[in-house]
Amino acid sequence: MAYVLLALHRKGARGEWVYLPDLVSSLAIPQGGDYAKLRFWRLIESKSAVEGAIRSDGSKRVGWWRITPQGKAFVRNMSRLPKHLHTYNNDVVRQDELPTINIVEALGEKFNYADIMS
C-alpha cells in the first residue's frame, strides 16, 4: 500500500485525479485492491466520495483517486500514523494510537525510500 501511495504521489503530485487501476497495473507488484484501504487513514480520496461520481451501472467505484494533504505529508516522511485501524462495513470503528508508523517503516525492507523518491 505504501508503494502505491508513493506512485500516486508521483503521478498526481499537484492533486490531479489518477485512474488507480491503470497505475497499479503498471507497477511490478501483486494486485488486489488493498490500496483502497489507504482512504481509512485519509491518505487518499476517491472521486466518487468528493464529487459524487457514479459509473453508468450505478456503482460508486469509479477508480479515480487523488492523494490528500495528509497523504503528501506522510509520503514526505513528515508524519506518523497509527499502524492499525479497525474497520467494519467500510467505516473505521477504532484507531489504535500506538504503535505508529512512518512511510519508511511502512515500505519495509522490500522497497528503499531514498531510491523511490530520487
Protein backbone atom coordinates (compact mmCIF):
# COMPACT_ATOMS: atom_id res chain seq x y z
CA MET A 1 0.00 0.00 0.00
CA ALA A 2 2.86 2.41 0.82
CA TYR A 3 4.47 1.80 -2.58
CA VAL A 4 1.19 2.53 -4.37
CA LEU A 5 0.84 5.71 -2.31
CA LEU A 6 4.30 6.81 -3.46
CA ALA A 7 3.41 6.05 -7.09
CA LEU A 8 0.16 8.02 -6.73
CA HIS A 9 2.12 10.93 -5.27
CA ARG A 10 4.44 10.95 -8.28
CA LYS A 11 1.61 10.71 -10.79
CA GLY A 12 -0.77 13.19 -9.16
CA ALA A 13 1.54 15.37 -7.06
CA ARG A 14 -0.48 18.51 -7.71
CA GLY A 15 -3.74 16.93 -6.62
CA GLU A 16 -4.80 15.56 -10.02
CA TRP A 17 -7.17 12.62 -10.15
CA VAL A 18 -5.40 9.41 -11.17
CA TYR A 19 -7.07 6.27 -12.51
CA LEU A 20 -5.57 3.94 -9.93
CA PRO A 21 -6.31 0.57 -11.59
CA ASP A 22 -4.10 1.58 -14.54
CA LEU A 23 -1.38 2.93 -12.25
CA VAL A 24 -1.34 -0.23 -10.14
CA SER A 25 -1.24 -2.50 -13.20
CA SER A 26 1.84 -0.59 -14.43
CA LEU A 27 3.70 -1.36 -11.18
CA ALA A 28 5.58 -4.61 -10.71
CA ILE A 29 3.61 -5.60 -7.61
CA PRO A 30 0.78 -8.06 -6.96
CA GLN A 31 -2.66 -6.55 -7.41
CA GLY A 32 -5.51 -7.00 -5.01
CA GLY A 33 -7.09 -3.65 -4.31
CA ASP A 34 -5.54 -3.17 -0.87
CA TYR A 35 -4.50 0.32 -1.96
CA ALA A 36 -8.10 1.49 -1.49
CA LYS A 37 -7.64 0.93 2.26
CA LEU A 38 -5.38 3.99 2.29
CA ARG A 39 -8.59 6.02 2.47
CA PHE A 40 -9.14 4.85 6.05
CA TRP A 41 -6.01 6.81 7.09
CA ARG A 42 -7.23 9.74 4.92
CA LEU A 43 -4.14 9.44 2.72
CA ILE A 44 -6.19 9.24 -0.48
CA GLU A 45 -9.72 10.14 -1.51
CA SER A 46 -11.96 8.80 -4.24
CA LYS A 47 -13.58 10.97 -6.84
CA SER A 48 -16.97 9.47 -6.03
CA ALA A 49 -16.63 10.48 -2.37
CA VAL A 50 -15.70 14.06 -3.26
CA GLU A 51 -17.63 14.78 -6.44
CA GLY A 52 -20.36 12.16 -6.35
CA ALA A 53 -19.07 10.44 -9.50
CA ILE A 54 -21.06 7.34 -10.40
CA ARG A 55 -20.49 4.80 -13.17
CA SER A 56 -23.15 4.14 -15.77
CA ASP A 57 -24.11 0.95 -13.90
CA GLY A 58 -24.73 2.96 -10.71
CA SER A 59 -21.55 1.89 -8.87
CA LYS A 60 -19.62 4.48 -6.91
CA ARG A 61 -16.37 2.60 -7.59
CA VAL A 62 -15.09 4.75 -10.45
CA GLY A 63 -11.36 4.08 -9.92
CA TRP A 64 -10.27 7.74 -9.77
CA TRP A 65 -8.27 8.68 -6.67
CA ARG A 66 -6.02 11.50 -5.52
CA ILE A 67 -3.60 11.97 -2.69
CA THR A 68 -4.71 14.18 0.20
CA PRO A 69 -2.61 16.78 2.07
CA GLN A 70 -2.23 14.22 4.87
CA GLY A 71 -1.07 11.70 2.28
CA LYS A 72 1.51 14.15 0.92
CA ALA A 73 2.88 14.76 4.43
CA PHE A 74 3.13 11.01 5.01
CA VAL A 75 4.90 10.46 1.67
CA ARG A 76 7.38 13.21 2.52
CA ASN A 77 8.09 11.43 5.82
CA MET A 78 6.77 14.38 7.80
CA SER A 79 4.15 12.48 9.78
CA ARG A 80 3.44 9.24 11.54
CA LEU A 81 0.14 7.39 11.51
CA PRO A 82 -1.44 4.68 13.61
CA LYS A 83 -0.14 1.35 12.32
CA HIS A 84 -3.51 -0.31 12.89
CA LEU A 85 -7.09 0.72 12.25
CA HIS A 86 -10.11 -1.44 12.85
CA THR A 87 -12.84 -1.26 10.24
CA TYR A 88 -16.29 -2.65 9.89
CA ASN A 89 -18.61 -2.22 6.94
CA ASN A 90 -16.21 0.27 5.29
CA ASP A 91 -16.01 2.52 8.34
CA VAL A 92 -13.21 2.98 10.87
CA VAL A 93 -14.58 1.79 14.20
CA ARG A 94 -11.39 2.00 16.25
CA GLN A 95 -7.99 3.56 15.78
CA ASP A 96 -5.09 2.35 17.90
CA GLU A 97 -2.93 5.33 18.87
CA LEU A 98 0.15 3.12 19.30
CA PRO A 99 2.17 1.84 17.59
CA THR A 100 2.63 4.45 14.90
CA ILE A 101 4.45 4.12 11.59
CA ASN A 102 6.12 6.39 9.05
CA ILE A 103 6.49 5.85 5.29
CA VAL A 104 9.99 4.34 5.56
CA GLU A 105 8.81 1.77 8.08
CA ALA A 106 5.69 1.06 6.03
CA LEU A 107 7.79 0.26 2.96
CA GLY A 108 9.75 -2.31 4.92
CA GLU A 109 12.87 -3.95 3.55
CA LYS A 110 11.46 -4.71 0.11
CA PHE A 111 11.48 -1.07 -1.05
CA ASN A 112 14.07 1.66 -0.47
CA TYR A 113 12.50 5.04 0.26
CA ALA A 114 15.51 7.08 -0.92
CA ASP A 115 15.69 5.20 -4.23
CA ILE A 116 11.96 5.60 -4.89
CA MET A 117 11.97 9.31 -4.07
CA SER A 118 15.03 10.12 -6.23
